[in-house]
Amino acid sequence: MNGVLVVDKERGPTSHDIVARVRRVLGTRSVGHAGTLDPRATGALVIAVGEATKLVAYLTADDKSYEAEVTVGVETDSLDADGAIVRRCAVPAGLTVELVERASRQFVGRRLQRAPLISAIKVAGRPLHARVRRGEAPEAPEREVELRALRVISVAGERIRLDVECGKGFYVRALARDLGEALHSCAHLSSLRRVRSGTFDLGRAVASADLEAYGADALRRHMVPLRQAWDLRAAAVLTEDGVRLARHGRLIGLDAIIGAPPDPETPGVVGLFDSAGPMVAIAKWEGLELRVVRGILDA
């Protein structure tokens, strides 16, 4: 019951709704998700089960890839198609792929992005969406985010189709708003589908509408083991003595690592595994020793 399940979320339910379904099917409360999808958005939702919930903070930080549609000429309060219309603008004449590409280049790379007002970001301890619904007029914060790549797929009338690759905390809804302004108009996000979250894509996904039909045994067979879920991150395989030290929260020296160790100068955490495959712990370098920051009871 330790692993990662990729769910192809349908339009409508929240990410927490999908977590609740998985909990019911598997019969465990130990379920979480890495990277929220808005109710209207579809696609890859990474679900962590059992000890994999201890990896959520690291999986959430992974890059995401989306297929997005932006509609120019209409802006909504939520910046997506579920919101109330707050502004209508003229659609630029002769809107083409080339024109949108030129307008969108400024958004690629690291930059400050103004978050949507209707979002879960907290200001003074309360979510922005709650403040807006109470009639307050809060100011949405700006946060540094990264848009790694943006490709304009097509332009048909007022509708623009994009491929988006971005880092943690990036709002594609806010990109739609900013792109509308760059085109001297206004815009909103009319559809969004996440096609990849870190190393997890839709090729291994289970449809959210079919979770109950699959049943517990089938879902377990679809789960990705912790070792594979940690793929592409720093990792070390421990000797038997190293495993014992990790289990007891002791410092782990280089002599307890099988093979070449990860570079101690590289920042970040290291996944620790025993030679049979199960994950033992997450650790950080202290000089030339590893200190456990989270124990993992994988089996």
Protein backbone atom coordinates (compact mmCIF):
# COMPACT_ATOMS: atom_id res chain seq x y z
CA MET A 1 0.00 0.00 0.00
CA ASN A 2 3.01 2.30 -0.48
CA GLY A 3 3.25 3.96 -3.87
CA VAL A 4 2.11 6.61 -6.32
CA LEU A 5 -1.01 6.40 -8.44
CA VAL A 6 -1.49 8.67 -11.47
CA VAL A 7 -5.15 9.60 -11.97
CA ASP A 8 -6.52 11.23 -15.12
CA LYS A 9 -8.87 13.67 -13.40
CA GLU A 10 -12.17 14.38 -15.10
CA ARG A 11 -13.72 17.84 -15.26
CA GLY A 12 -15.83 18.68 -12.21
CA PRO A 13 -14.41 17.14 -9.03
CA THR A 14 -11.77 18.86 -6.93
CA SER A 15 -8.38 17.28 -6.29
CA HIS A 16 -9.56 16.53 -2.73
CA ASP A 17 -12.63 14.75 -4.15
CA ILE A 18 -10.30 12.40 -6.06
CA VAL A 19 -8.26 11.78 -2.90
CA ALA A 20 -11.50 10.89 -1.07
CA ARG A 21 -12.44 8.39 -3.81
CA VAL A 22 -9.03 6.69 -3.61
CA ARG A 23 -9.33 6.51 0.18
CA ARG A 24 -12.69 4.76 -0.12
CA VAL A 25 -11.50 2.26 -2.72
CA LEU A 26 -8.25 1.39 -0.96
CA GLY A 27 -9.71 1.56 2.55
CA THR A 28 -7.01 3.85 3.96
CA ARG A 29 -6.83 7.46 5.15
CA SER A 30 -3.16 7.67 4.20
CA VAL A 31 -3.68 9.29 0.79
CA GLY A 32 -2.60 12.70 -0.49
CA HIS A 33 -1.93 14.49 -3.77
CA ALA A 34 0.98 16.41 -5.28
CA GLY A 35 -0.11 19.52 -7.17
CA THR A 36 -3.71 20.73 -7.11
CA LEU A 37 -5.86 20.78 -10.24
CA ASP A 38 -8.80 23.20 -10.34
CA PRO A 39 -12.24 21.55 -10.70
CA ARG A 40 -12.55 22.56 -14.36
CA ALA A 41 -9.04 21.29 -15.22
CA THR A 42 -8.40 17.70 -16.28
CA GLY A 43 -5.39 15.44 -16.55
CA ALA A 44 -2.55 14.01 -14.51
CA LEU A 45 -3.11 14.18 -10.75
CA VAL A 46 -0.37 12.48 -8.74
CA ILE A 47 -1.85 10.57 -5.80
CA ALA A 48 0.44 9.37 -2.99
CA VAL A 49 -0.59 6.34 -0.92
CA GLY A 50 0.84 5.11 2.40
CA GLU A 51 4.49 5.99 2.95
CA ALA A 52 4.51 7.79 -0.41
CA THR A 53 2.64 10.65 1.32
CA LYS A 54 6.02 11.53 2.86
CA LEU A 55 7.27 12.33 -0.67
CA VAL A 56 4.46 14.77 -1.52
CA ALA A 57 6.47 17.93 -0.78
CA TYR A 58 9.14 16.82 -3.24
CA LEU A 59 6.73 15.58 -5.93
CA THR A 60 4.74 18.82 -5.72
CA ALA A 61 7.88 20.81 -6.52
CA ASP A 62 8.33 19.06 -9.90
CA ASP A 63 7.74 20.80 -13.22
CA LYS A 64 4.33 20.44 -14.86
CA SER A 65 3.25 20.37 -18.53
CA TYR A 66 -0.18 21.49 -19.76
CA GLU A 67 -2.32 21.77 -22.84
CA ALA A 68 -4.19 25.06 -22.50
CA GLU A 69 -6.78 27.02 -24.42
CA VAL A 70 -7.01 30.78 -23.99
CA THR A 71 -10.05 32.74 -25.18
CA VAL A 72 -9.33 36.36 -26.07
CA GLY A 73 -11.93 39.12 -25.68
CA VAL A 74 -13.48 38.09 -22.37
CA GLU A 75 -12.04 38.31 -18.83
CA THR A 76 -13.61 36.62 -15.80
CA ASP A 77 -13.13 37.20 -12.08
CA SER A 78 -11.54 33.75 -11.64
CA LEU A 79 -9.56 34.04 -14.91
CA ASP A 80 -11.12 30.79 -16.15
CA ALA A 81 -14.39 29.74 -17.76
CA ASP A 82 -16.12 29.12 -14.42
CA GLY A 83 -15.94 32.75 -13.35
CA ALA A 84 -18.29 35.67 -13.83
CA ILE A 85 -17.52 37.93 -16.78
CA VAL A 86 -15.98 41.19 -15.59
CA ARG A 87 -14.77 42.67 -18.88
CA ARG A 88 -15.24 42.35 -22.62
CA CYS A 89 -12.62 43.59 -25.07
CA ALA A 90 -12.14 43.75 -28.81
CA VAL A 91 -10.34 40.75 -30.25
CA PRO A 92 -7.24 41.97 -32.13
CA ALA A 93 -7.72 41.92 -35.88
CA GLY A 94 -5.60 39.41 -37.74
CA LEU A 95 -4.75 37.33 -34.68
CA THR A 96 -2.15 34.78 -35.84
CA VAL A 97 0.26 32.24 -34.38
CA GLU A 98 3.16 34.58 -35.15
CA LEU A 99 1.50 37.52 -33.39
CA VAL A 100 0.78 35.43 -30.27
CA GLU A 101 4.33 34.04 -30.28
CA ARG A 102 5.78 37.55 -30.28
CA ALA A 103 3.47 38.67 -27.48
CA SER A 104 4.21 35.59 -25.33
CA ARG A 105 8.02 35.63 -25.46
CA GLN A 106 8.23 38.05 -22.54
CA PHE A 107 6.66 35.48 -20.21
CA VAL A 108 9.25 32.72 -20.73
CA GLY A 109 11.84 32.42 -17.96
CA ARG A 110 11.77 33.55 -14.33
CA ARG A 111 9.55 36.51 -13.57
CA LEU A 112 7.08 37.92 -11.08
CA GLN A 113 3.52 36.75 -11.66
CA ARG A 114 0.47 38.33 -10.04
CA ALA A 115 -1.64 35.52 -8.63
CA PRO A 116 -5.37 35.21 -9.40
CA LEU A 117 -7.59 36.86 -6.80
CA ILE A 118 -9.73 33.73 -6.64
CA SER A 119 -7.06 31.30 -5.45
CA ALA A 120 -6.01 29.40 -2.35
CA ILE A 121 -3.05 31.70 -1.65
CA LYS A 122 -3.30 33.02 1.90
CA VAL A 123 -3.01 36.69 2.79
CA ALA A 124 -2.92 37.45 6.52
CA GLY A 125 -3.78 33.82 7.22
CA ARG A 126 -6.89 33.56 5.05
CA PRO A 127 -7.26 32.32 1.44
CA LEU A 128 -7.79 35.00 -1.17
CA HIS A 129 -10.94 33.31 -2.51
CA ALA A 130 -12.52 33.45 0.95
CA ARG A 131 -11.76 37.16 1.27
CA VAL A 132 -13.23 37.90 -2.16
CA ARG A 133 -16.41 35.97 -1.37
CA ARG A 134 -16.84 38.01 1.83
CA GLY A 135 -16.86 41.16 -0.26
CA GLU A 136 -13.31 42.23 0.58
CA ALA A 137 -10.99 43.71 -2.04
CA PRO A 138 -7.58 42.17 -1.23
CA GLU A 139 -4.51 42.75 -3.35
CA ALA A 140 -3.21 39.60 -5.02
CA PRO A 141 0.48 39.05 -4.27
CA GLU A 142 3.19 38.77 -6.87
CA ARG A 143 5.40 35.69 -6.69
CA GLU A 144 8.49 34.66 -8.59
CA VAL A 145 7.64 31.74 -10.91
CA GLU A 146 9.19 30.14 -13.95
CA LEU A 147 7.70 29.43 -17.35
CA ARG A 148 10.20 27.02 -18.86
CA ALA A 149 8.65 26.75 -22.31
CA LEU A 150 5.59 27.98 -24.19
CA ARG A 151 4.55 26.84 -27.67
CA VAL A 152 1.64 28.29 -29.63
CA ILE A 153 -0.13 25.33 -31.26
CA SER A 154 -2.88 27.13 -33.12
CA VAL A 155 -5.01 30.27 -33.34
CA ALA A 156 -8.61 30.00 -34.51
CA GLY A 157 -10.58 33.22 -34.20
CA GLU A 158 -10.44 34.26 -30.54
CA ARG A 159 -9.16 30.87 -29.32
CA ILE A 160 -5.46 30.17 -28.76
CA ARG A 161 -4.10 26.69 -28.03
CA LEU A 162 -0.84 26.48 -26.09
CA ASP A 163 1.60 23.91 -24.75
CA VAL A 164 2.95 25.12 -21.40
CA GLU A 165 5.85 23.80 -19.31
CA CYS A 166 6.26 25.51 -15.96
CA GLY A 167 7.67 25.25 -12.47
CA LYS A 168 6.01 25.06 -9.08
CA GLY A 169 3.47 27.75 -8.20
CA PHE A 170 2.85 28.90 -11.78
CA TYR A 171 -0.75 29.86 -12.58
CA VAL A 172 -1.75 29.16 -16.19
CA ARG A 173 -4.89 31.24 -15.47
CA ALA A 174 -2.67 34.22 -14.74
CA LEU A 175 -0.72 33.57 -17.94
CA ALA A 176 -4.01 33.78 -19.88
CA ARG A 177 -4.77 37.15 -18.27
CA ASP A 178 -1.27 38.49 -18.97
CA LEU A 179 -1.28 37.22 -22.55
CA GLY A 180 -4.57 39.02 -23.16
CA GLU A 181 -3.04 42.26 -21.90
CA ALA A 182 0.06 41.74 -24.07
CA LEU A 183 -2.27 41.44 -27.06
CA HIS A 184 -3.90 44.78 -26.07
CA SER A 185 -7.10 42.96 -25.17
CA CYS A 186 -8.26 40.74 -22.32
CA ALA A 187 -8.54 36.96 -22.01
CA HIS A 188 -9.32 34.00 -19.78
CA LEU A 189 -8.30 30.34 -19.59
CA SER A 190 -11.08 28.38 -21.30
CA SER A 191 -9.64 24.88 -20.81
CA LEU A 192 -6.66 23.22 -19.14
CA ARG A 193 -5.31 19.69 -19.23
CA ARG A 194 -2.20 18.60 -17.32
CA VAL A 195 -0.30 16.06 -19.39
CA ARG A 196 2.74 15.62 -17.14
CA SER A 197 3.70 16.15 -13.51
CA GLY A 198 7.38 15.48 -12.92
CA THR A 199 8.13 12.02 -14.31
CA PHE A 200 4.44 11.02 -14.27
CA ASP A 201 2.36 11.34 -17.44
CA LEU A 202 -1.02 10.20 -18.69
CA GLY A 203 0.42 7.02 -20.23
CA ARG A 204 0.18 5.30 -16.84
CA ALA A 205 -2.97 7.02 -15.59
CA VAL A 206 -6.23 5.56 -14.30
CA ALA A 207 -9.39 7.48 -15.28
CA SER A 208 -10.93 9.14 -12.21
CA ALA A 209 -14.43 8.09 -13.30
CA ASP A 210 -13.31 4.43 -13.21
CA LEU A 211 -11.67 4.36 -9.76
CA GLU A 212 -14.49 2.48 -8.07
CA ALA A 213 -14.84 0.07 -11.01
CA TYR A 214 -11.13 -0.78 -10.86
CA GLY A 215 -11.29 -1.81 -7.21
CA ALA A 216 -8.53 -1.99 -4.62
CA ASP A 217 -6.48 -4.84 -6.11
CA ALA A 218 -6.30 -3.28 -9.58
CA LEU A 219 -5.35 0.12 -8.17
CA ARG A 220 -2.54 -1.44 -6.15
CA ARG A 221 -1.18 -3.01 -9.32
CA HIS A 222 -1.19 0.41 -10.99
CA MET A 223 0.78 2.05 -8.17
CA VAL A 224 4.37 3.09 -8.85
CA PRO A 225 6.83 1.88 -6.15
CA LEU A 226 8.65 4.48 -4.07
CA ARG A 227 11.98 3.70 -5.72
CA GLN A 228 10.55 4.50 -9.14
CA ALA A 229 8.64 7.51 -7.81
CA TRP A 230 11.97 8.93 -6.56
CA ASP A 231 13.51 8.46 -10.02
CA LEU A 232 15.89 11.20 -11.28
CA ARG A 233 16.48 12.51 -7.75
CA ALA A 234 19.64 12.00 -5.73
CA ALA A 235 19.69 8.50 -4.22
CA ALA A 236 22.03 6.17 -2.34
CA VAL A 237 21.89 2.41 -1.74
CA LEU A 238 22.96 1.46 1.78
CA THR A 239 24.78 -1.50 3.23
CA GLU A 240 23.04 -3.54 5.92
CA ASP A 241 24.84 -1.46 8.53
CA GLY A 242 23.79 1.71 6.72
CA VAL A 243 20.15 0.60 6.77
CA ARG A 244 20.41 -0.05 10.51
CA LEU A 245 21.90 3.40 11.09
CA ALA A 246 19.15 5.04 9.02
CA ARG A 247 16.42 3.15 10.88
CA HIS A 248 17.78 4.50 14.16
CA GLY A 249 18.26 8.04 12.89
CA ARG A 250 22.05 7.89 13.14
CA LEU A 251 24.52 9.69 10.90
CA ILE A 252 25.47 7.65 7.82
CA GLY A 253 29.03 7.82 6.54
CA LEU A 254 30.35 7.19 3.05
CA ASP A 255 31.48 3.69 4.05
CA ALA A 256 27.78 2.70 4.50
CA ILE A 257 26.92 3.54 0.87
CA ILE A 258 27.16 0.91 -1.87
CA GLY A 259 28.75 2.26 -5.05
CA ALA A 260 29.41 5.89 -5.85
CA PRO A 261 27.57 8.27 -3.49
CA PRO A 262 25.69 11.37 -4.66
CA ASP A 263 27.73 14.57 -4.65
CA PRO A 264 27.75 16.00 -1.09
CA GLU A 265 28.10 19.49 -2.59
CA THR A 266 24.77 19.23 -4.41
CA PRO A 267 21.97 20.90 -2.40
CA GLY A 268 18.75 19.10 -1.64
CA VAL A 269 17.76 15.78 -0.16
CA VAL A 270 18.91 12.22 -0.87
CA GLY A 271 16.65 9.18 -0.99
CA LEU A 272 18.11 6.20 0.90
CA PHE A 273 17.34 2.63 -0.18
CA ASP A 274 18.38 -0.82 0.91
CA SER A 275 19.94 -3.18 -1.62
CA ALA A 276 16.65 -5.09 -2.05
CA GLY A 277 14.85 -1.98 -3.29
CA PRO A 278 12.63 -0.58 -0.49
CA MET A 279 13.05 3.05 0.53
CA VAL A 280 14.51 3.57 3.98
CA ALA A 281 14.65 7.32 4.53
CA ILE A 282 15.10 10.81 3.16
CA ALA A 283 18.33 12.47 4.27
CA LYS A 284 20.46 15.61 3.91
CA TRP A 285 24.22 15.95 3.73
CA GLU A 286 26.08 17.27 6.76
CA GLY A 287 29.62 17.48 5.53
CA LEU A 288 30.44 13.97 4.33
CA GLU A 289 27.68 12.29 6.35
CA LEU A 290 23.97 11.91 5.76
CA ARG A 291 21.44 12.88 8.43
CA VAL A 292 17.96 11.37 8.23
CA VAL A 293 15.19 13.98 7.99
CA ARG A 294 12.31 11.55 7.38
CA GLY A 295 12.14 7.82 7.99
CA ILE A 296 10.28 5.66 5.44
CA LEU A 297 8.71 2.30 6.35
CA ASP A 298 8.58 0.85 2.84
CA ALA A 299 8.15 -2.88 2.23
